[in-house]
């Protein structure tokens, strides 16, 4: 055997073992499942607190208004329940109670509201709101006044259970005194926990 034959034989053996070991590197695997977050669950019971302001025009509103513009503070809470009958549409029922103070007046307002909206993204809800309610008389007086409100808002999910909401409504009373349809505007910002 010559050196040349020996060198060719060793080279072929080396190439064969490299090709055999390269074939061992290909291991068939099944793909990993892709995890997608479910997004915020808007359905169910919720409760929260809110703060804001109310602006009464020159005409009387409920038990408030004496011919001059009045600005008052608002602090209150809301409890409600949401349903999504067909994605992305949302329907809800909500009750609110607000303490309103300022300009030497203090009253309470309580509303039962219907909400209808759309879940724009997993974490954003846009809605319209309408409701009826009552206003208690200012401190030192008795009696209530029937009210209504129409408006809307935007709600953002900030965690798996907490949302932040901004809302504005126009309000009026049922007394037929020649008043405008809306006698006041109320704007609030709130934080809500979804159960």
C-alpha atoms as a PDB file:
ATOM      1  CA  UNK A   1       0.000   0.000   0.000  1.00  0.00           C
ATOM      2  CA  UNK A   2       1.311   3.295  -0.943  1.00  0.00           C
ATOM      3  CA  UNK A   3       1.179   6.457   1.072  1.00  0.00           C
ATOM      4  CA  UNK A   4      -1.082   7.979  -1.509  1.00  0.00           C
ATOM      5  CA  UNK A   5      -3.668   5.163  -1.189  1.00  0.00           C
ATOM      6  CA  UNK A   6      -3.502   5.382   2.591  1.00  0.00           C
ATOM      7  CA  UNK A   7      -4.077   9.155   2.530  1.00  0.00           C
ATOM      8  CA  UNK A   8      -7.107   8.795   0.203  1.00  0.00           C
ATOM      9  CA  UNK A   9      -8.581   6.070   2.443  1.00  0.00           C
ATOM     10  CA  UNK A  10      -8.167   8.143   5.625  1.00  0.00           C
ATOM     11  CA  UNK A  11      -9.708  11.211   3.885  1.00  0.00           C
ATOM     12  CA  UNK A  12     -12.752   9.231   2.732  1.00  0.00           C
ATOM     13  CA  UNK A  13     -13.227   7.757   6.218  1.00  0.00           C
ATOM     14  CA  UNK A  14     -13.039  11.220   7.804  1.00  0.00           C
ATOM     15  CA  UNK A  15     -15.579  12.679   5.326  1.00  0.00           C
ATOM     16  CA  UNK A  16     -17.949   9.776   5.965  1.00  0.00           C
ATOM     17  CA  UNK A  17     -17.861  10.222   9.742  1.00  0.00           C
ATOM     18  CA  UNK A  18     -18.468  14.023   9.408  1.00  0.00           C
ATOM     19  CA  UNK A  19     -21.486  13.403   7.168  1.00  0.00           C
ATOM     20  CA  UNK A  20     -22.827  10.795   9.591  1.00  0.00           C
ATOM     21  CA  UNK A  21     -22.474  13.093  12.621  1.00  0.00           C
ATOM     22  CA  UNK A  22     -24.075  16.023  10.724  1.00  0.00           C
ATOM     23  CA  UNK A  23     -27.151  13.898  10.082  1.00  0.00           C
ATOM     24  CA  UNK A  24     -27.493  13.306  13.836  1.00  0.00           C
ATOM     25  CA  UNK A  25     -27.935  17.069  14.492  1.00  0.00           C
ATOM     26  CA  UNK A  26     -31.339  17.254  12.780  1.00  0.00           C
ATOM     27  CA  UNK A  27     -33.873  16.390  15.484  1.00  0.00           C
ATOM     28  CA  UNK A  28     -37.547  16.691  14.631  1.00  0.00           C
ATOM     29  CA  UNK A  29     -39.468  18.772  17.203  1.00  0.00           C
ATOM     30  CA  UNK A  30     -43.067  19.876  17.571  1.00  0.00           C
ATOM     31  CA  UNK A  31     -43.653  23.643  17.620  1.00  0.00           C
ATOM     32  CA  UNK A  32     -44.286  25.338  20.965  1.00  0.00           C
ATOM     33  CA  UNK A  33     -47.838  26.610  21.462  1.00  0.00           C
ATOM     34  CA  UNK A  34     -48.215  30.366  21.084  1.00  0.00           C
ATOM     35  CA  UNK A  35     -49.626  32.045  24.213  1.00  0.00           C
ATOM     36  CA  UNK A  36     -51.974  34.949  23.627  1.00  0.00           C
ATOM     37  CA  UNK A  37     -53.206  37.041  26.516  1.00  0.00           C
ATOM     38  CA  UNK A  38     -56.990  36.961  26.775  1.00  0.00           C
ATOM     39  CA  UNK A  39     -57.268  40.741  27.291  1.00  0.00           C
ATOM     40  CA  UNK A  40     -59.348  42.565  29.875  1.00  0.00           C
ATOM     41  CA  UNK A  41     -62.644  40.943  30.858  1.00  0.00           C
ATOM     42  CA  UNK A  42     -65.237  43.751  30.735  1.00  0.00           C
ATOM     43  CA  UNK A  43     -68.154  41.513  31.742  1.00  0.00           C
ATOM     44  CA  UNK A  44     -69.397  41.233  35.302  1.00  0.00           C
ATOM     45  CA  UNK A  45     -69.817  43.283  38.448  1.00  0.00           C
ATOM     46  CA  UNK A  46     -67.761  46.420  39.205  1.00  0.00           C
ATOM     47  CA  UNK A  47     -67.630  49.191  41.824  1.00  0.00           C
ATOM     48  CA  UNK A  48     -65.646  52.385  42.147  1.00  0.00           C
ATOM     49  CA  UNK A  49     -65.248  55.973  43.277  1.00  0.00           C
ATOM     50  CA  UNK A  50     -65.162  59.194  41.295  1.00  0.00           C
ATOM     51  CA  UNK A  51     -64.504  62.904  41.649  1.00  0.00           C
ATOM     52  CA  UNK A  52     -65.220  65.882  39.430  1.00  0.00           C
ATOM     53  CA  UNK A  53     -67.211  69.052  38.938  1.00  0.00           C
ATOM     54  CA  UNK A  54     -70.699  70.216  38.054  1.00  0.00           C
ATOM     55  CA  UNK A  55     -71.510  73.459  36.222  1.00  0.00           C
ATOM     56  CA  UNK A  56     -75.044  74.844  36.560  1.00  0.00           C
ATOM     57  CA  UNK A  57     -76.122  77.543  34.104  1.00  0.00           C
ATOM     58  CA  UNK A  58     -78.315  80.586  34.747  1.00  0.00           C
ATOM     59  CA  UNK A  59     -81.547  78.568  34.807  1.00  0.00           C
ATOM     60  CA  UNK A  60     -82.529  76.541  37.852  1.00  0.00           C
ATOM     61  CA  UNK A  61     -81.566  72.876  37.929  1.00  0.00           C
ATOM     62  CA  UNK A  62     -83.412  70.727  40.426  1.00  0.00           C
ATOM     63  CA  UNK A  63     -82.967  72.464  43.750  1.00  0.00           C
ATOM     64  CA  UNK A  64     -79.930  74.454  42.533  1.00  0.00           C
ATOM     65  CA  UNK A  65     -79.680  77.677  40.579  1.00  0.00           C
ATOM     66  CA  UNK A  66     -80.560  81.223  41.380  1.00  0.00           C
ATOM     67  CA  UNK A  67     -80.009  83.070  38.103  1.00  0.00           C
ATOM     68  CA  UNK A  68     -76.206  82.870  38.109  1.00  0.00           C
ATOM     69  CA  UNK A  69     -73.633  80.341  36.907  1.00  0.00           C
ATOM     70  CA  UNK A  70     -72.609  77.975  39.703  1.00  0.00           C
ATOM     71  CA  UNK A  71     -69.621  75.632  39.852  1.00  0.00           C
ATOM     72  CA  UNK A  72     -69.665  72.816  42.395  1.00  0.00           C
ATOM     73  CA  UNK A  73     -67.486  69.888  43.417  1.00  0.00           C
ATOM     74  CA  UNK A  74     -68.603  66.271  43.005  1.00  0.00           C
ATOM     75  CA  UNK A  75     -67.493  63.179  44.909  1.00  0.00           C
ATOM     76  CA  UNK A  76     -69.295  59.871  44.700  1.00  0.00           C
ATOM     77  CA  UNK A  77     -69.381  56.249  43.765  1.00  0.00           C
ATOM     78  CA  UNK A  78     -70.897  53.797  41.308  1.00  0.00           C
ATOM     79  CA  UNK A  79     -71.811  50.111  41.231  1.00  0.00           C
ATOM     80  CA  UNK A  80     -72.785  48.284  38.066  1.00  0.00           C
ATOM     81  CA  UNK A  81     -72.749  45.188  35.931  1.00  0.00           C
ATOM     82  CA  UNK A  82     -71.691  44.753  32.274  1.00  0.00           C
ATOM     83  CA  UNK A  83     -72.782  42.227  29.652  1.00  0.00           C
ATOM     84  CA  UNK A  84     -71.297  41.570  26.203  1.00  0.00           C
ATOM     85  CA  UNK A  85     -74.157  39.998  24.196  1.00  0.00           C
ATOM     86  CA  UNK A  86     -72.183  40.139  20.922  1.00  0.00           C
ATOM     87  CA  UNK A  87     -68.499  40.997  20.655  1.00  0.00           C
ATOM     88  CA  UNK A  88     -67.530  43.915  20.730  1.00  0.00           C
ATOM     89  CA  UNK A  89     -70.811  45.490  21.983  1.00  0.00           C
ATOM     90  CA  UNK A  90     -71.345  46.063  25.705  1.00  0.00           C
ATOM     91  CA  UNK A  91     -74.562  46.709  27.660  1.00  0.00           C
ATOM     92  CA  UNK A  92     -74.644  47.628  31.320  1.00  0.00           C
ATOM     93  CA  UNK A  93     -76.716  48.739  34.285  1.00  0.00           C
ATOM     94  CA  UNK A  94     -75.257  51.151  36.828  1.00  0.00           C
ATOM     95  CA  UNK A  95     -76.342  53.083  39.931  1.00  0.00           C
ATOM     96  CA  UNK A  96     -74.491  56.196  41.080  1.00  0.00           C
ATOM     97  CA  UNK A  97     -74.574  58.377  44.149  1.00  0.00           C
ATOM     98  CA  UNK A  98     -72.850  61.764  44.295  1.00  0.00           C
ATOM     99  CA  UNK A  99     -72.383  64.391  46.997  1.00  0.00           C
ATOM    100  CA  UNK A 100     -72.321  67.850  45.417  1.00  0.00           C
ATOM    101  CA  UNK A 101     -71.065  70.910  47.294  1.00  0.00           C
ATOM    102  CA  UNK A 102     -70.033  74.510  46.701  1.00  0.00           C
ATOM    103  CA  UNK A 103     -71.392  78.073  46.758  1.00  0.00           C
ATOM    104  CA  UNK A 104     -72.879  77.458  50.218  1.00  0.00           C
ATOM    105  CA  UNK A 105     -74.998  74.578  48.843  1.00  0.00           C
ATOM    106  CA  UNK A 106     -74.777  70.824  49.374  1.00  0.00           C
ATOM    107  CA  UNK A 107     -77.033  68.211  47.787  1.00  0.00           C
ATOM    108  CA  UNK A 108     -77.049  64.556  46.841  1.00  0.00           C
ATOM    109  CA  UNK A 109     -77.796  63.054  43.420  1.00  0.00           C
ATOM    110  CA  UNK A 110     -78.716  59.425  42.812  1.00  0.00           C
ATOM    111  CA  UNK A 111     -79.127  57.912  39.326  1.00  0.00           C
ATOM    112  CA  UNK A 112     -80.012  54.579  37.716  1.00  0.00           C
ATOM    113  CA  UNK A 113     -78.223  54.416  34.342  1.00  0.00           C
ATOM    114  CA  UNK A 114     -78.103  52.281  31.212  1.00  0.00           C
ATOM    115  CA  UNK A 115     -74.761  52.028  29.407  1.00  0.00           C
ATOM    116  CA  UNK A 116     -74.184  50.932  25.815  1.00  0.00           C
ATOM    117  CA  UNK A 117     -70.754  50.860  24.252  1.00  0.00           C
ATOM    118  CA  UNK A 118     -68.093  49.101  22.273  1.00  0.00           C
ATOM    119  CA  UNK A 119     -64.836  47.467  23.340  1.00  0.00           C
ATOM    120  CA  UNK A 120     -62.500  49.258  20.921  1.00  0.00           C
ATOM    121  CA  UNK A 121     -59.388  47.312  21.967  1.00  0.00           C
ATOM    122  CA  UNK A 122     -58.834  44.751  24.731  1.00  0.00           C
ATOM    123  CA  UNK A 123     -58.198  47.593  27.176  1.00  0.00           C
ATOM    124  CA  UNK A 124     -60.398  50.479  25.907  1.00  0.00           C
ATOM    125  CA  UNK A 125     -64.174  50.848  26.229  1.00  0.00           C
ATOM    126  CA  UNK A 126     -66.146  53.744  24.696  1.00  0.00           C
ATOM    127  CA  UNK A 127     -69.760  54.100  25.863  1.00  0.00           C
ATOM    128  CA  UNK A 128     -72.921  56.219  25.922  1.00  0.00           C
ATOM    129  CA  UNK A 129     -74.965  56.631  29.090  1.00  0.00           C
ATOM    130  CA  UNK A 130     -78.523  57.622  29.955  1.00  0.00           C
ATOM    131  CA  UNK A 131     -80.345  57.606  33.254  1.00  0.00           C
ATOM    132  CA  UNK A 132     -83.003  58.943  35.590  1.00  0.00           C
ATOM    133  CA  UNK A 133     -82.644  59.929  39.207  1.00  0.00           C
ATOM    134  CA  UNK A 134     -83.407  62.272  42.069  1.00  0.00           C
ATOM    135  CA  UNK A 135     -81.731  65.194  43.762  1.00  0.00           C
ATOM    136  CA  UNK A 136     -82.170  65.822  47.451  1.00  0.00           C
ATOM    137  CA  UNK A 137     -82.925  69.321  48.637  1.00  0.00           C
ATOM    138  CA  UNK A 138     -80.032  71.532  49.787  1.00  0.00           C
ATOM    139  CA  UNK A 139     -79.104  71.217  53.449  1.00  0.00           C
ATOM    140  CA  UNK A 140     -81.822  72.602  55.687  1.00  0.00           C
ATOM    141  CA  UNK A 141     -84.638  71.920  53.172  1.00  0.00           C
ATOM    142  CA  UNK A 142     -86.757  68.895  52.396  1.00  0.00           C
ATOM    143  CA  UNK A 143     -88.026  67.410  49.179  1.00  0.00           C
ATOM    144  CA  UNK A 144     -86.520  65.851  46.083  1.00  0.00           C
ATOM    145  CA  UNK A 145     -86.470  66.748  42.403  1.00  0.00           C
ATOM    146  CA  UNK A 146     -86.681  64.301  39.476  1.00  0.00           C
ATOM    147  CA  UNK A 147     -83.673  64.401  37.120  1.00  0.00           C
ATOM    148  CA  UNK A 148     -82.363  62.857  33.888  1.00  0.00           C
ATOM    149  CA  UNK A 149     -78.923  62.680  32.288  1.00  0.00           C
ATOM    150  CA  UNK A 150     -77.369  61.782  28.930  1.00  0.00           C
ATOM    151  CA  UNK A 151     -73.688  61.561  28.082  1.00  0.00           C
ATOM    152  CA  UNK A 152     -70.772  59.257  27.546  1.00  0.00           C
ATOM    153  CA  UNK A 153     -67.259  58.347  28.480  1.00  0.00           C
ATOM    154  CA  UNK A 154     -64.092  56.365  27.900  1.00  0.00           C
ATOM    155  CA  UNK A 155     -62.766  53.645  30.221  1.00  0.00           C
ATOM    156  CA  UNK A 156     -59.211  52.251  30.192  1.00  0.00           C
ATOM    157  CA  UNK A 157     -58.030  48.989  31.774  1.00  0.00           C
ATOM    158  CA  UNK A 158     -54.802  49.565  33.712  1.00  0.00           C
ATOM    159  CA  UNK A 159     -54.478  46.110  35.352  1.00  0.00           C
ATOM    160  CA  UNK A 160     -56.343  42.798  35.171  1.00  0.00           C
ATOM    161  CA  UNK A 161     -59.051  44.167  37.503  1.00  0.00           C
ATOM    162  CA  UNK A 162     -58.740  47.990  37.687  1.00  0.00           C
ATOM    163  CA  UNK A 163     -59.993  50.583  35.201  1.00  0.00           C
ATOM    164  CA  UNK A 164     -59.859  54.369  34.996  1.00  0.00           C
ATOM    165  CA  UNK A 165     -62.844  56.210  33.547  1.00  0.00           C
ATOM    166  CA  UNK A 166     -63.547  59.724  32.300  1.00  0.00           C
ATOM    167  CA  UNK A 167     -67.192  60.708  31.824  1.00  0.00           C
ATOM    168  CA  UNK A 168     -69.246  63.792  30.950  1.00  0.00           C
ATOM    169  CA  UNK A 169     -73.040  64.082  31.082  1.00  0.00           C
ATOM    170  CA  UNK A 170     -75.611  66.759  30.456  1.00  0.00           C
ATOM    171  CA  UNK A 171     -78.356  66.890  33.076  1.00  0.00           C
ATOM    172  CA  UNK A 172     -81.832  68.360  33.367  1.00  0.00           C
ATOM    173  CA  UNK A 173     -84.869  68.179  35.618  1.00  0.00           C
ATOM    174  CA  UNK A 174     -88.388  66.989  34.832  1.00  0.00           C
ATOM    175  CA  UNK A 175     -90.018  70.200  36.129  1.00  0.00           C
ATOM    176  CA  UNK A 176     -91.469  72.068  33.136  1.00  0.00           C
ATOM    177  CA  UNK A 177     -90.257  75.589  33.861  1.00  0.00           C
ATOM    178  CA  UNK A 178     -89.302  76.535  30.307  1.00  0.00           C
ATOM    179  CA  UNK A 179     -85.733  75.475  30.991  1.00  0.00           C
ATOM    180  CA  UNK A 180     -83.305  74.234  28.383  1.00  0.00           C
ATOM    181  CA  UNK A 181     -83.096  70.472  27.832  1.00  0.00           C
ATOM    182  CA  UNK A 182     -79.765  70.429  29.704  1.00  0.00           C
ATOM    183  CA  UNK A 183     -79.427  72.735  32.694  1.00  0.00           C
ATOM    184  CA  UNK A 184     -76.049  71.512  33.862  1.00  0.00           C
ATOM    185  CA  UNK A 185     -72.983  69.498  32.885  1.00  0.00           C
ATOM    186  CA  UNK A 186     -71.138  67.076  35.154  1.00  0.00           C
ATOM    187  CA  UNK A 187     -67.624  65.779  34.430  1.00  0.00           C
ATOM    188  CA  UNK A 188     -66.028  63.050  36.553  1.00  0.00           C
ATOM    189  CA  UNK A 189     -62.927  60.876  36.648  1.00  0.00           C
ATOM    190  CA  UNK A 190     -63.059  57.578  38.510  1.00  0.00           C
ATOM    191  CA  UNK A 191     -61.231  54.391  39.455  1.00  0.00           C
ATOM    192  CA  UNK A 192     -63.151  51.095  39.324  1.00  0.00           C
ATOM    193  CA  UNK A 193     -62.520  47.528  40.464  1.00  0.00           C
ATOM    194  CA  UNK A 194     -63.977  44.706  38.328  1.00  0.00           C
ATOM    195  CA  UNK A 195     -64.833  41.518  40.234  1.00  0.00           C
END
